[in-house]
């Protein structure tokens, strides 16, 4: 294994400046800038096709930037690609384990590829498998593992060579909510025990709550960046959602009677107001339209996303005009 260069603890684990990726005339990532502190859990939140995976692929040296610069673990992603790769772990969005091999064999192969000294492989393997609760299944074929077990094994594999930065690209996609919560419990424990920087992408709102900070990405750009709590506090309004027989008429009535700008979101009329619970009685008394149902919620990350982009993540994924990155890259035969 290569000699690890000591990094100044005050320097960021990841530093990105004006990073751009073009595919022909199409700009998938449009000048993003951010820093990730060492030992931070940092998240990219956004719909499929927002440019998250394209950005992560540049940071992991799988794609060459069109312009701009990025450093990971102190190394330049273009000029020092091999050094970057030696100091990062990567859990891809798509499964990459060999189902015919056992868990231990998958980790052994990874250790050999990364040049882990043979004397360190066995103790490190036991350490990472115990961290993800799979030591007792080390000799079991991966083909017999559940989806959640495979995800945990992929995370363990990404930690085998003791990376400084672990990249998780949609780490729980396709898993049920209970398994997703379990995976995140493991991820948080790993981050604390290994003192590792974790950079992850997601389009699950509840998952983003686990991050120290998140960057909201939409159409190739970062539109907001802060801690989840700070972003929600910045919205400053409750979300009120109503079910009516005529959504467009309700939107017009809300604008006329209350000066409220509402929109259709996930099949219902949604809008933000201060003091939502106090507003509801006025709504029933003054709207002048039948209301079949109403709900009030405190600001969420979905409200933050809506405030900055004009839609929820689910709506953005269902509306082709809001996920142009994915559509364009599919046309070009590339990944987002």
C-alpha atoms as a PDB file:
ATOM      1  CA  UNK A   1       0.000   0.000   0.000  1.00  0.00           C
ATOM      2  CA  UNK A   2       1.336   3.465  -0.842  1.00  0.00           C
ATOM      3  CA  UNK A   3       2.696   5.796   1.796  1.00  0.00           C
ATOM      4  CA  UNK A   4      -0.116   8.016   3.056  1.00  0.00           C
ATOM      5  CA  UNK A   5       0.627  11.702   2.811  1.00  0.00           C
ATOM      6  CA  UNK A   6      -0.348  13.488   6.002  1.00  0.00           C
ATOM      7  CA  UNK A   7      -3.068  16.042   5.350  1.00  0.00           C
ATOM      8  CA  UNK A   8      -3.357  19.250   7.328  1.00  0.00           C
ATOM      9  CA  UNK A   9      -6.387  18.703   9.608  1.00  0.00           C
ATOM     10  CA  UNK A  10      -7.542  22.242   8.856  1.00  0.00           C
ATOM     11  CA  UNK A  11      -7.663  21.566   5.118  1.00  0.00           C
ATOM     12  CA  UNK A  12     -10.902  20.308   3.549  1.00  0.00           C
ATOM     13  CA  UNK A  13     -11.245  16.647   2.647  1.00  0.00           C
ATOM     14  CA  UNK A  14     -12.818  17.765  -0.638  1.00  0.00           C
ATOM     15  CA  UNK A  15     -12.385  21.141  -2.333  1.00  0.00           C
ATOM     16  CA  UNK A  16     -14.245  21.885  -5.563  1.00  0.00           C
ATOM     17  CA  UNK A  17     -13.953  25.057  -7.641  1.00  0.00           C
ATOM     18  CA  UNK A  18     -16.044  25.947 -10.709  1.00  0.00           C
ATOM     19  CA  UNK A  19     -16.386  22.295 -11.739  1.00  0.00           C
ATOM     20  CA  UNK A  20     -18.011  21.735 -15.129  1.00  0.00           C
ATOM     21  CA  UNK A  21     -18.798  18.618 -17.154  1.00  0.00           C
ATOM     22  CA  UNK A  22     -20.002  18.816 -20.738  1.00  0.00           C
ATOM     23  CA  UNK A  23     -21.178  16.064 -23.020  1.00  0.00           C
ATOM     24  CA  UNK A  24     -20.967  17.655 -26.447  1.00  0.00           C
ATOM     25  CA  UNK A  25     -23.027  20.840 -26.275  1.00  0.00           C
ATOM     26  CA  UNK A  26     -24.873  19.669 -23.172  1.00  0.00           C
ATOM     27  CA  UNK A  27     -23.629  20.938 -19.790  1.00  0.00           C
ATOM     28  CA  UNK A  28     -24.513  18.313 -17.163  1.00  0.00           C
ATOM     29  CA  UNK A  29     -22.642  19.989 -14.270  1.00  0.00           C
ATOM     30  CA  UNK A  30     -22.533  23.768 -14.366  1.00  0.00           C
ATOM     31  CA  UNK A  31     -19.740  25.307 -12.316  1.00  0.00           C
ATOM     32  CA  UNK A  32     -20.355  23.793  -8.878  1.00  0.00           C
ATOM     33  CA  UNK A  33     -18.265  24.979  -5.919  1.00  0.00           C
ATOM     34  CA  UNK A  34     -18.133  23.583  -2.379  1.00  0.00           C
ATOM     35  CA  UNK A  35     -15.863  22.202   0.339  1.00  0.00           C
ATOM     36  CA  UNK A  36     -16.278  19.200   2.617  1.00  0.00           C
ATOM     37  CA  UNK A  37     -14.540  19.189   6.004  1.00  0.00           C
ATOM     38  CA  UNK A  38     -12.584  16.192   7.229  1.00  0.00           C
ATOM     39  CA  UNK A  39     -14.768  13.647   9.103  1.00  0.00           C
ATOM     40  CA  UNK A  40     -17.947  15.365   7.855  1.00  0.00           C
ATOM     41  CA  UNK A  41     -21.000  13.543   6.505  1.00  0.00           C
ATOM     42  CA  UNK A  42     -21.864  15.574   3.417  1.00  0.00           C
ATOM     43  CA  UNK A  43     -24.841  14.937   1.182  1.00  0.00           C
ATOM     44  CA  UNK A  44     -25.895  15.797  -2.343  1.00  0.00           C
ATOM     45  CA  UNK A  45     -29.679  15.994  -2.416  1.00  0.00           C
ATOM     46  CA  UNK A  46     -31.654  16.195  -5.628  1.00  0.00           C
ATOM     47  CA  UNK A  47     -33.833  14.312  -8.109  1.00  0.00           C
ATOM     48  CA  UNK A  48     -32.489  11.703 -10.470  1.00  0.00           C
ATOM     49  CA  UNK A  49     -30.854  13.549 -13.339  1.00  0.00           C
ATOM     50  CA  UNK A  50     -29.770  16.610 -11.330  1.00  0.00           C
ATOM     51  CA  UNK A  51     -26.057  15.997 -11.940  1.00  0.00           C
ATOM     52  CA  UNK A  52     -25.222  14.322  -8.625  1.00  0.00           C
ATOM     53  CA  UNK A  53     -23.689  11.149 -10.030  1.00  0.00           C
ATOM     54  CA  UNK A  54     -21.796  13.059 -12.717  1.00  0.00           C
ATOM     55  CA  UNK A  55     -20.211  15.185  -9.988  1.00  0.00           C
ATOM     56  CA  UNK A  56     -19.347  12.198  -7.811  1.00  0.00           C
ATOM     57  CA  UNK A  57     -17.821  10.423 -10.817  1.00  0.00           C
ATOM     58  CA  UNK A  58     -15.529  13.403 -11.442  1.00  0.00           C
ATOM     59  CA  UNK A  59     -14.475  13.468  -7.788  1.00  0.00           C
ATOM     60  CA  UNK A  60     -13.709   9.738  -7.960  1.00  0.00           C
ATOM     61  CA  UNK A  61     -11.704  10.217 -11.221  1.00  0.00           C
ATOM     62  CA  UNK A  62     -14.156   8.124 -13.268  1.00  0.00           C
ATOM     63  CA  UNK A  63     -14.940  11.177 -15.426  1.00  0.00           C
ATOM     64  CA  UNK A  64     -12.550  13.954 -16.412  1.00  0.00           C
ATOM     65  CA  UNK A  65     -13.886  17.464 -15.758  1.00  0.00           C
ATOM     66  CA  UNK A  66     -14.413  19.730 -18.758  1.00  0.00           C
ATOM     67  CA  UNK A  67     -13.152  22.650 -16.674  1.00  0.00           C
ATOM     68  CA  UNK A  68     -12.662  23.729 -13.088  1.00  0.00           C
ATOM     69  CA  UNK A  69     -10.742  21.869 -10.411  1.00  0.00           C
ATOM     70  CA  UNK A  70     -11.239  19.482  -7.503  1.00  0.00           C
ATOM     71  CA  UNK A  71      -9.022  18.025  -4.794  1.00  0.00           C
ATOM     72  CA  UNK A  72      -9.904  14.940  -2.768  1.00  0.00           C
ATOM     73  CA  UNK A  73      -7.883  13.920   0.318  1.00  0.00           C
ATOM     74  CA  UNK A  74      -5.358  16.566  -0.710  1.00  0.00           C
ATOM     75  CA  UNK A  75      -4.867  15.263  -4.274  1.00  0.00           C
ATOM     76  CA  UNK A  76      -5.890  16.775  -7.606  1.00  0.00           C
ATOM     77  CA  UNK A  77      -8.479  14.598  -9.375  1.00  0.00           C
ATOM     78  CA  UNK A  78      -6.881  15.151 -12.797  1.00  0.00           C
ATOM     79  CA  UNK A  79      -3.117  15.380 -12.153  1.00  0.00           C
ATOM     80  CA  UNK A  80      -3.009  12.877  -9.246  1.00  0.00           C
ATOM     81  CA  UNK A  81      -5.667  10.349 -10.200  1.00  0.00           C
ATOM     82  CA  UNK A  82      -3.876   7.287  -8.792  1.00  0.00           C
ATOM     83  CA  UNK A  83      -3.323   9.005  -5.435  1.00  0.00           C
ATOM     84  CA  UNK A  84      -6.987   9.998  -5.250  1.00  0.00           C
ATOM     85  CA  UNK A  85      -8.070   6.431  -5.971  1.00  0.00           C
ATOM     86  CA  UNK A  86      -5.802   4.979  -3.277  1.00  0.00           C
ATOM     87  CA  UNK A  87      -7.331   7.238  -0.643  1.00  0.00           C
ATOM     88  CA  UNK A  88     -11.036   6.897  -1.416  1.00  0.00           C
ATOM     89  CA  UNK A  89     -13.635   4.181  -1.082  1.00  0.00           C
ATOM     90  CA  UNK A  90     -16.591   4.014  -3.460  1.00  0.00           C
ATOM     91  CA  UNK A  91     -19.964   2.310  -3.169  1.00  0.00           C
ATOM     92  CA  UNK A  92     -21.622   2.520  -6.550  1.00  0.00           C
ATOM     93  CA  UNK A  93     -25.324   3.053  -7.123  1.00  0.00           C
ATOM     94  CA  UNK A  94     -25.503  -0.242  -9.020  1.00  0.00           C
ATOM     95  CA  UNK A  95     -24.457  -3.499  -7.277  1.00  0.00           C
ATOM     96  CA  UNK A  96     -20.891  -4.594  -8.091  1.00  0.00           C
ATOM     97  CA  UNK A  97     -20.325  -7.591  -5.800  1.00  0.00           C
ATOM     98  CA  UNK A  98     -19.536 -11.013  -7.284  1.00  0.00           C
ATOM     99  CA  UNK A  99     -22.480 -13.177  -6.288  1.00  0.00           C
ATOM    100  CA  UNK A 100     -20.568 -16.410  -6.912  1.00  0.00           C
ATOM    101  CA  UNK A 101     -17.942 -15.524  -4.297  1.00  0.00           C
ATOM    102  CA  UNK A 102     -18.322 -15.458  -0.532  1.00  0.00           C
ATOM    103  CA  UNK A 103     -18.299 -12.209   1.436  1.00  0.00           C
ATOM    104  CA  UNK A 104     -14.718 -12.891   2.543  1.00  0.00           C
ATOM    105  CA  UNK A 105     -13.599 -13.632  -1.012  1.00  0.00           C
ATOM    106  CA  UNK A 106     -15.083 -10.368  -2.271  1.00  0.00           C
ATOM    107  CA  UNK A 107     -13.187  -8.427   0.399  1.00  0.00           C
ATOM    108  CA  UNK A 108      -9.982 -10.421  -0.197  1.00  0.00           C
ATOM    109  CA  UNK A 109     -10.091  -9.540  -3.897  1.00  0.00           C
ATOM    110  CA  UNK A 110     -10.610  -5.875  -3.106  1.00  0.00           C
ATOM    111  CA  UNK A 111      -7.686  -5.884  -0.665  1.00  0.00           C
ATOM    112  CA  UNK A 112      -5.408  -7.405  -3.296  1.00  0.00           C
ATOM    113  CA  UNK A 113      -6.461  -4.825  -5.898  1.00  0.00           C
ATOM    114  CA  UNK A 114      -5.608  -2.011  -3.470  1.00  0.00           C
ATOM    115  CA  UNK A 115      -2.327  -3.504  -2.337  1.00  0.00           C
ATOM    116  CA  UNK A 116      -3.265  -4.030   1.309  1.00  0.00           C
ATOM    117  CA  UNK A 117      -0.334  -5.871   2.975  1.00  0.00           C
ATOM    118  CA  UNK A 118      -1.242  -9.549   3.375  1.00  0.00           C
ATOM    119  CA  UNK A 119      -0.615  -9.476   7.133  1.00  0.00           C
ATOM    120  CA  UNK A 120      -3.264  -6.760   7.536  1.00  0.00           C
ATOM    121  CA  UNK A 121      -6.005  -8.332   5.406  1.00  0.00           C
ATOM    122  CA  UNK A 122      -7.440 -10.818   7.922  1.00  0.00           C
ATOM    123  CA  UNK A 123      -7.677  -8.434  10.915  1.00  0.00           C
ATOM    124  CA  UNK A 124      -9.023  -5.630   8.749  1.00  0.00           C
ATOM    125  CA  UNK A 125     -11.578  -7.948   7.176  1.00  0.00           C
ATOM    126  CA  UNK A 126     -12.848  -9.028  10.568  1.00  0.00           C
ATOM    127  CA  UNK A 127     -12.976  -5.412  11.730  1.00  0.00           C
ATOM    128  CA  UNK A 128     -15.066  -4.104   8.825  1.00  0.00           C
ATOM    129  CA  UNK A 129     -17.366  -7.141   8.714  1.00  0.00           C
ATOM    130  CA  UNK A 130     -18.062  -6.831  12.435  1.00  0.00           C
ATOM    131  CA  UNK A 131     -18.781  -3.129  11.967  1.00  0.00           C
ATOM    132  CA  UNK A 132     -21.535  -3.938   9.464  1.00  0.00           C
ATOM    133  CA  UNK A 133     -22.804  -6.996  11.349  1.00  0.00           C
ATOM    134  CA  UNK A 134     -21.735  -9.598   8.784  1.00  0.00           C
ATOM    135  CA  UNK A 135     -18.801 -11.403  10.398  1.00  0.00           C
ATOM    136  CA  UNK A 136     -20.912 -14.515  11.000  1.00  0.00           C
ATOM    137  CA  UNK A 137     -21.792 -14.595   7.283  1.00  0.00           C
ATOM    138  CA  UNK A 138     -18.256 -14.142   5.961  1.00  0.00           C
ATOM    139  CA  UNK A 139     -18.204 -17.604   4.350  1.00  0.00           C
ATOM    140  CA  UNK A 140     -21.674 -17.333   2.861  1.00  0.00           C
ATOM    141  CA  UNK A 141     -22.092 -16.799  -0.911  1.00  0.00           C
ATOM    142  CA  UNK A 142     -23.172 -13.259  -1.713  1.00  0.00           C
ATOM    143  CA  UNK A 143     -25.915 -14.640  -3.966  1.00  0.00           C
ATOM    144  CA  UNK A 144     -27.716 -15.772  -0.796  1.00  0.00           C
ATOM    145  CA  UNK A 145     -27.629 -12.294   0.818  1.00  0.00           C
ATOM    146  CA  UNK A 146     -30.602  -9.943   1.051  1.00  0.00           C
ATOM    147  CA  UNK A 147     -30.449  -6.515  -0.584  1.00  0.00           C
ATOM    148  CA  UNK A 148     -29.661  -4.824   2.725  1.00  0.00           C
ATOM    149  CA  UNK A 149     -26.893  -7.318   3.512  1.00  0.00           C
ATOM    150  CA  UNK A 150     -25.304  -6.779   0.113  1.00  0.00           C
ATOM    151  CA  UNK A 151     -25.344  -3.021   0.640  1.00  0.00           C
ATOM    152  CA  UNK A 152     -23.658  -3.425   4.017  1.00  0.00           C
ATOM    153  CA  UNK A 153     -21.064  -5.714   2.458  1.00  0.00           C
ATOM    154  CA  UNK A 154     -20.356  -3.157  -0.272  1.00  0.00           C
ATOM    155  CA  UNK A 155     -19.779  -0.509   2.400  1.00  0.00           C
ATOM    156  CA  UNK A 156     -17.429  -2.889   4.252  1.00  0.00           C
ATOM    157  CA  UNK A 157     -15.560  -3.556   1.010  1.00  0.00           C
ATOM    158  CA  UNK A 158     -15.166   0.185   0.427  1.00  0.00           C
ATOM    159  CA  UNK A 159     -13.517   0.450   3.864  1.00  0.00           C
ATOM    160  CA  UNK A 160     -11.054  -2.460   3.461  1.00  0.00           C
ATOM    161  CA  UNK A 161      -8.113  -0.267   2.394  1.00  0.00           C
ATOM    162  CA  UNK A 162      -8.763   2.380   5.112  1.00  0.00           C
ATOM    163  CA  UNK A 163      -9.747   5.258   2.817  1.00  0.00           C
ATOM    164  CA  UNK A 164      -9.881   8.871   3.970  1.00  0.00           C
ATOM    165  CA  UNK A 165     -13.061   9.600   2.024  1.00  0.00           C
ATOM    166  CA  UNK A 166     -15.936   7.174   1.398  1.00  0.00           C
ATOM    167  CA  UNK A 167     -18.252   7.983  -1.520  1.00  0.00           C
ATOM    168  CA  UNK A 168     -21.754   6.519  -1.364  1.00  0.00           C
ATOM    169  CA  UNK A 169     -23.793   6.960  -4.537  1.00  0.00           C
ATOM    170  CA  UNK A 170     -27.474   6.447  -3.620  1.00  0.00           C
ATOM    171  CA  UNK A 171     -26.449   3.893  -0.941  1.00  0.00           C
ATOM    172  CA  UNK A 172     -29.961   2.699  -0.070  1.00  0.00           C
ATOM    173  CA  UNK A 173     -31.771   2.946  -3.402  1.00  0.00           C
ATOM    174  CA  UNK A 174     -34.332   0.186  -3.837  1.00  0.00           C
ATOM    175  CA  UNK A 175     -34.337  -0.808  -0.160  1.00  0.00           C
ATOM    176  CA  UNK A 176     -37.380  -0.677   2.111  1.00  0.00           C
ATOM    177  CA  UNK A 177     -37.572   2.153   4.721  1.00  0.00           C
ATOM    178  CA  UNK A 178     -36.683  -0.099   7.662  1.00  0.00           C
ATOM    179  CA  UNK A 179     -33.572  -1.443   5.919  1.00  0.00           C
ATOM    180  CA  UNK A 180     -32.596   2.083   4.854  1.00  0.00           C
ATOM    181  CA  UNK A 181     -32.709   3.251   8.484  1.00  0.00           C
ATOM    182  CA  UNK A 182     -30.613   0.265   9.491  1.00  0.00           C
ATOM    183  CA  UNK A 183     -28.013   1.007   6.803  1.00  0.00           C
ATOM    184  CA  UNK A 184     -27.774   4.605   7.989  1.00  0.00           C
ATOM    185  CA  UNK A 185     -27.279   3.476  11.552  1.00  0.00           C
ATOM    186  CA  UNK A 186     -24.268   1.494  10.348  1.00  0.00           C
ATOM    187  CA  UNK A 187     -22.970   4.394   8.244  1.00  0.00           C
ATOM    188  CA  UNK A 188     -23.083   6.816  11.167  1.00  0.00           C
ATOM    189  CA  UNK A 189     -21.347   4.330  13.449  1.00  0.00           C
ATOM    190  CA  UNK A 190     -18.662   3.701  10.837  1.00  0.00           C
ATOM    191  CA  UNK A 191     -18.045   7.402  10.367  1.00  0.00           C
ATOM    192  CA  UNK A 192     -17.545   7.899  14.093  1.00  0.00           C
ATOM    193  CA  UNK A 193     -15.328   4.843  14.614  1.00  0.00           C
ATOM    194  CA  UNK A 194     -13.186   5.353  11.508  1.00  0.00           C
ATOM    195  CA  UNK A 195     -13.154   9.179  11.614  1.00  0.00           C
ATOM    196  CA  UNK A 196     -13.745   9.060   7.879  1.00  0.00           C
ATOM    197  CA  UNK A 197     -15.258  11.693   5.590  1.00  0.00           C
ATOM    198  CA  UNK A 198     -18.464  10.474   3.955  1.00  0.00           C
ATOM    199  CA  UNK A 199     -19.806  12.012   0.753  1.00  0.00           C
ATOM    200  CA  UNK A 200     -23.142  10.626  -0.341  1.00  0.00           C
ATOM    201  CA  UNK A 201     -25.813  11.313  -2.924  1.00  0.00           C
ATOM    202  CA  UNK A 202     -29.513  10.732  -2.377  1.00  0.00           C
ATOM    203  CA  UNK A 203     -32.970  11.770  -3.454  1.00  0.00           C
ATOM    204  CA  UNK A 204     -34.557  10.521  -0.199  1.00  0.00           C
ATOM    205  CA  UNK A 205     -35.446  13.413   2.086  1.00  0.00           C
ATOM    206  CA  UNK A 206     -35.314  11.411   5.314  1.00  0.00           C
ATOM    207  CA  UNK A 207     -31.857  10.139   4.365  1.00  0.00           C
ATOM    208  CA  UNK A 208     -30.509  13.650   3.922  1.00  0.00           C
ATOM    209  CA  UNK A 209     -31.415  14.389   7.560  1.00  0.00           C
ATOM    210  CA  UNK A 210     -28.502  12.170   8.607  1.00  0.00           C
ATOM    211  CA  UNK A 211     -25.959  14.509   7.005  1.00  0.00           C
ATOM    212  CA  UNK A 212     -24.020  17.244   8.778  1.00  0.00           C
ATOM    213  CA  UNK A 213     -24.544  19.449   5.709  1.00  0.00           C
ATOM    214  CA  UNK A 214     -26.297  19.004   2.407  1.00  0.00           C
ATOM    215  CA  UNK A 215     -26.029  20.645  -0.977  1.00  0.00           C
ATOM    216  CA  UNK A 216     -29.276  20.771  -2.939  1.00  0.00           C
ATOM    217  CA  UNK A 217     -28.557  20.187  -6.603  1.00  0.00           C
ATOM    218  CA  UNK A 218     -30.953  20.930  -9.455  1.00  0.00           C
ATOM    219  CA  UNK A 219     -30.281  20.886 -13.189  1.00  0.00           C
ATOM    220  CA  UNK A 220     -26.519  20.732 -12.769  1.00  0.00           C
ATOM    221  CA  UNK A 221     -26.169  23.508 -10.197  1.00  0.00           C
ATOM    222  CA  UNK A 222     -26.000  23.796  -6.405  1.00  0.00           C
ATOM    223  CA  UNK A 223     -28.942  25.969  -5.374  1.00  0.00           C
ATOM    224  CA  UNK A 224     -28.520  25.758  -1.570  1.00  0.00           C
ATOM    225  CA  UNK A 225     -25.898  24.475   0.895  1.00  0.00           C
ATOM    226  CA  UNK A 226     -26.126  24.302   4.700  1.00  0.00           C
ATOM    227  CA  UNK A 227     -27.065  21.994   7.545  1.00  0.00           C
ATOM    228  CA  UNK A 228     -30.530  20.399   7.263  1.00  0.00           C
ATOM    229  CA  UNK A 229     -31.787  22.365  10.265  1.00  0.00           C
ATOM    230  CA  UNK A 230     -30.487  25.693   8.947  1.00  0.00           C
ATOM    231  CA  UNK A 231     -32.035  25.082   5.538  1.00  0.00           C
ATOM    232  CA  UNK A 232     -35.412  24.233   7.068  1.00  0.00           C
ATOM    233  CA  UNK A 233     -35.263  27.238   9.382  1.00  0.00           C
ATOM    234  CA  UNK A 234     -34.581  29.433   6.362  1.00  0.00           C
ATOM    235  CA  UNK A 235     -37.894  28.458   4.791  1.00  0.00           C
ATOM    236  CA  UNK A 236     -39.726  29.992   7.764  1.00  0.00           C
ATOM    237  CA  UNK A 237     -43.185  28.785   6.762  1.00  0.00           C
ATOM    238  CA  UNK A 238     -45.423  25.830   7.426  1.00  0.00           C
ATOM    239  CA  UNK A 239     -46.665  23.836   4.473  1.00  0.00           C
ATOM    240  CA  UNK A 240     -50.447  23.592   4.082  1.00  0.00           C
ATOM    241  CA  UNK A 241     -51.814  20.999   1.682  1.00  0.00           C
ATOM    242  CA  UNK A 242     -55.472  20.864   0.673  1.00  0.00           C
ATOM    243  CA  UNK A 243     -57.560  18.489  -1.416  1.00  0.00           C
ATOM    244  CA  UNK A 244     -60.259  20.130  -3.523  1.00  0.00           C
ATOM    245  CA  UNK A 245     -62.467  19.258  -6.480  1.00  0.00           C
ATOM    246  CA  UNK A 246     -60.786  21.878  -8.682  1.00  0.00           C
ATOM    247  CA  UNK A 247     -57.113  22.548  -8.016  1.00  0.00           C
ATOM    248  CA  UNK A 248     -56.762  25.420 -10.475  1.00  0.00           C
ATOM    249  CA  UNK A 249     -59.784  27.211  -9.057  1.00  0.00           C
ATOM    250  CA  UNK A 250     -58.410  26.728  -5.534  1.00  0.00           C
ATOM    251  CA  UNK A 251     -55.055  28.217  -6.567  1.00  0.00           C
ATOM    252  CA  UNK A 252     -56.832  31.272  -8.005  1.00  0.00           C
ATOM    253  CA  UNK A 253     -58.974  31.669  -4.868  1.00  0.00           C
ATOM    254  CA  UNK A 254     -55.939  31.446  -2.586  1.00  0.00           C
ATOM    255  CA  UNK A 255     -54.211  34.161  -4.559  1.00  0.00           C
ATOM    256  CA  UNK A 256     -57.309  36.380  -4.613  1.00  0.00           C
ATOM    257  CA  UNK A 257     -58.398  36.023  -0.977  1.00  0.00           C
ATOM    258  CA  UNK A 258     -55.087  35.568   0.832  1.00  0.00           C
ATOM    259  CA  UNK A 259     -52.374  36.721  -1.556  1.00  0.00           C
ATOM    260  CA  UNK A 260     -50.877  33.217  -1.366  1.00  0.00           C
ATOM    261  CA  UNK A 261     -49.000  31.626  -4.262  1.00  0.00           C
ATOM    262  CA  UNK A 262     -49.906  27.945  -4.376  1.00  0.00           C
ATOM    263  CA  UNK A 263     -49.060  25.133  -6.751  1.00  0.00           C
ATOM    264  CA  UNK A 264     -50.172  21.590  -7.460  1.00  0.00           C
ATOM    265  CA  UNK A 265     -47.787  19.136  -5.820  1.00  0.00           C
ATOM    266  CA  UNK A 266     -48.267  15.368  -5.889  1.00  0.00           C
ATOM    267  CA  UNK A 267     -51.928  15.768  -6.843  1.00  0.00           C
ATOM    268  CA  UNK A 268     -52.907  18.310  -4.174  1.00  0.00           C
ATOM    269  CA  UNK A 269     -52.698  22.094  -3.732  1.00  0.00           C
ATOM    270  CA  UNK A 270     -49.725  23.080  -1.587  1.00  0.00           C
ATOM    271  CA  UNK A 271     -48.530  26.438  -0.263  1.00  0.00           C
ATOM    272  CA  UNK A 272     -46.474  27.945   2.530  1.00  0.00           C
ATOM    273  CA  UNK A 273     -47.743  30.290   5.251  1.00  0.00           C
ATOM    274  CA  UNK A 274     -46.521  31.409   8.656  1.00  0.00           C
ATOM    275  CA  UNK A 275     -48.547  29.824  11.482  1.00  0.00           C
ATOM    276  CA  UNK A 276     -50.231  27.122   9.429  1.00  0.00           C
ATOM    277  CA  UNK A 277     -52.462  25.816  12.208  1.00  0.00           C
ATOM    278  CA  UNK A 278     -53.850  29.301  12.904  1.00  0.00           C
ATOM    279  CA  UNK A 279     -54.398  29.845   9.177  1.00  0.00           C
ATOM    280  CA  UNK A 280     -56.578  26.751   8.637  1.00  0.00           C
ATOM    281  CA  UNK A 281     -59.784  28.144  10.260  1.00  0.00           C
ATOM    282  CA  UNK A 282     -59.554  31.230   8.016  1.00  0.00           C
ATOM    283  CA  UNK A 283     -59.065  28.938   5.060  1.00  0.00           C
ATOM    284  CA  UNK A 284     -62.333  27.118   5.650  1.00  0.00           C
ATOM    285  CA  UNK A 285     -64.207  30.341   6.412  1.00  0.00           C
ATOM    286  CA  UNK A 286     -62.972  32.528   3.563  1.00  0.00           C
ATOM    287  CA  UNK A 287     -61.781  30.387   0.628  1.00  0.00           C
ATOM    288  CA  UNK A 288     -65.303  30.008  -0.792  1.00  0.00           C
ATOM    289  CA  UNK A 289     -64.621  26.498  -2.161  1.00  0.00           C
ATOM    290  CA  UNK A 290     -65.267  23.022  -0.761  1.00  0.00           C
ATOM    291  CA  UNK A 291     -62.187  21.561   0.937  1.00  0.00           C
ATOM    292  CA  UNK A 292     -62.115  17.741   1.130  1.00  0.00           C
ATOM    293  CA  UNK A 293     -58.989  17.486   3.256  1.00  0.00           C
ATOM    294  CA  UNK A 294     -56.244  19.593   4.795  1.00  0.00           C
ATOM    295  CA  UNK A 295     -52.885  18.922   6.410  1.00  0.00           C
ATOM    296  CA  UNK A 296     -50.274  21.168   8.026  1.00  0.00           C
ATOM    297  CA  UNK A 297     -46.597  20.295   8.431  1.00  0.00           C
ATOM    298  CA  UNK A 298     -43.511  22.028   9.722  1.00  0.00           C
ATOM    299  CA  UNK A 299     -40.851  22.911   7.142  1.00  0.00           C
ATOM    300  CA  UNK A 300     -39.104  19.856   5.686  1.00  0.00           C
ATOM    301  CA  UNK A 301     -36.249  19.428   3.243  1.00  0.00           C
ATOM    302  CA  UNK A 302     -38.859  18.941   0.548  1.00  0.00           C
ATOM    303  CA  UNK A 303     -40.130  22.443   1.382  1.00  0.00           C
ATOM    304  CA  UNK A 304     -36.553  23.688   1.096  1.00  0.00           C
ATOM    305  CA  UNK A 305     -36.210  22.015  -2.288  1.00  0.00           C
ATOM    306  CA  UNK A 306     -39.509  23.520  -3.408  1.00  0.00           C
ATOM    307  CA  UNK A 307     -38.473  26.979  -2.191  1.00  0.00           C
ATOM    308  CA  UNK A 308     -35.295  26.899  -4.292  1.00  0.00           C
ATOM    309  CA  UNK A 309     -36.497  24.984  -7.368  1.00  0.00           C
ATOM    310  CA  UNK A 310     -40.253  25.468  -7.575  1.00  0.00           C
ATOM    311  CA  UNK A 311     -41.162  21.770  -7.240  1.00  0.00           C
ATOM    312  CA  UNK A 312     -40.796  18.780  -4.953  1.00  0.00           C
ATOM    313  CA  UNK A 313     -38.227  16.123  -5.765  1.00  0.00           C
ATOM    314  CA  UNK A 314     -40.973  13.647  -6.683  1.00  0.00           C
ATOM    315  CA  UNK A 315     -42.587  16.147  -9.033  1.00  0.00           C
ATOM    316  CA  UNK A 316     -39.188  16.977 -10.559  1.00  0.00           C
ATOM    317  CA  UNK A 317     -38.569  13.313 -11.311  1.00  0.00           C
ATOM    318  CA  UNK A 318     -41.992  12.898 -12.886  1.00  0.00           C
ATOM    319  CA  UNK A 319     -41.698  16.064 -15.026  1.00  0.00           C
ATOM    320  CA  UNK A 320     -39.316  15.566 -17.991  1.00  0.00           C
ATOM    321  CA  UNK A 321     -38.524  19.290 -18.087  1.00  0.00           C
ATOM    322  CA  UNK A 322     -37.139  19.059 -14.528  1.00  0.00           C
ATOM    323  CA  UNK A 323     -34.723  16.194 -15.110  1.00  0.00           C
ATOM    324  CA  UNK A 324     -33.158  17.257 -18.377  1.00  0.00           C
ATOM    325  CA  UNK A 325     -29.746  15.920 -17.301  1.00  0.00           C
ATOM    326  CA  UNK A 326     -31.031  12.361 -17.183  1.00  0.00           C
ATOM    327  CA  UNK A 327     -32.982  12.694 -20.427  1.00  0.00           C
ATOM    328  CA  UNK A 328     -30.057  14.241 -22.303  1.00  0.00           C
ATOM    329  CA  UNK A 329     -27.506  11.734 -21.023  1.00  0.00           C
ATOM    330  CA  UNK A 330     -29.770   8.793 -21.842  1.00  0.00           C
ATOM    331  CA  UNK A 331     -30.004  10.159 -25.379  1.00  0.00           C
ATOM    332  CA  UNK A 332     -26.203  10.359 -25.467  1.00  0.00           C
ATOM    333  CA  UNK A 333     -25.784   6.907 -24.005  1.00  0.00           C
ATOM    334  CA  UNK A 334     -24.126   8.202 -20.824  1.00  0.00           C
ATOM    335  CA  UNK A 335     -24.846   8.158 -17.120  1.00  0.00           C
ATOM    336  CA  UNK A 336     -26.052  11.156 -15.214  1.00  0.00           C
END
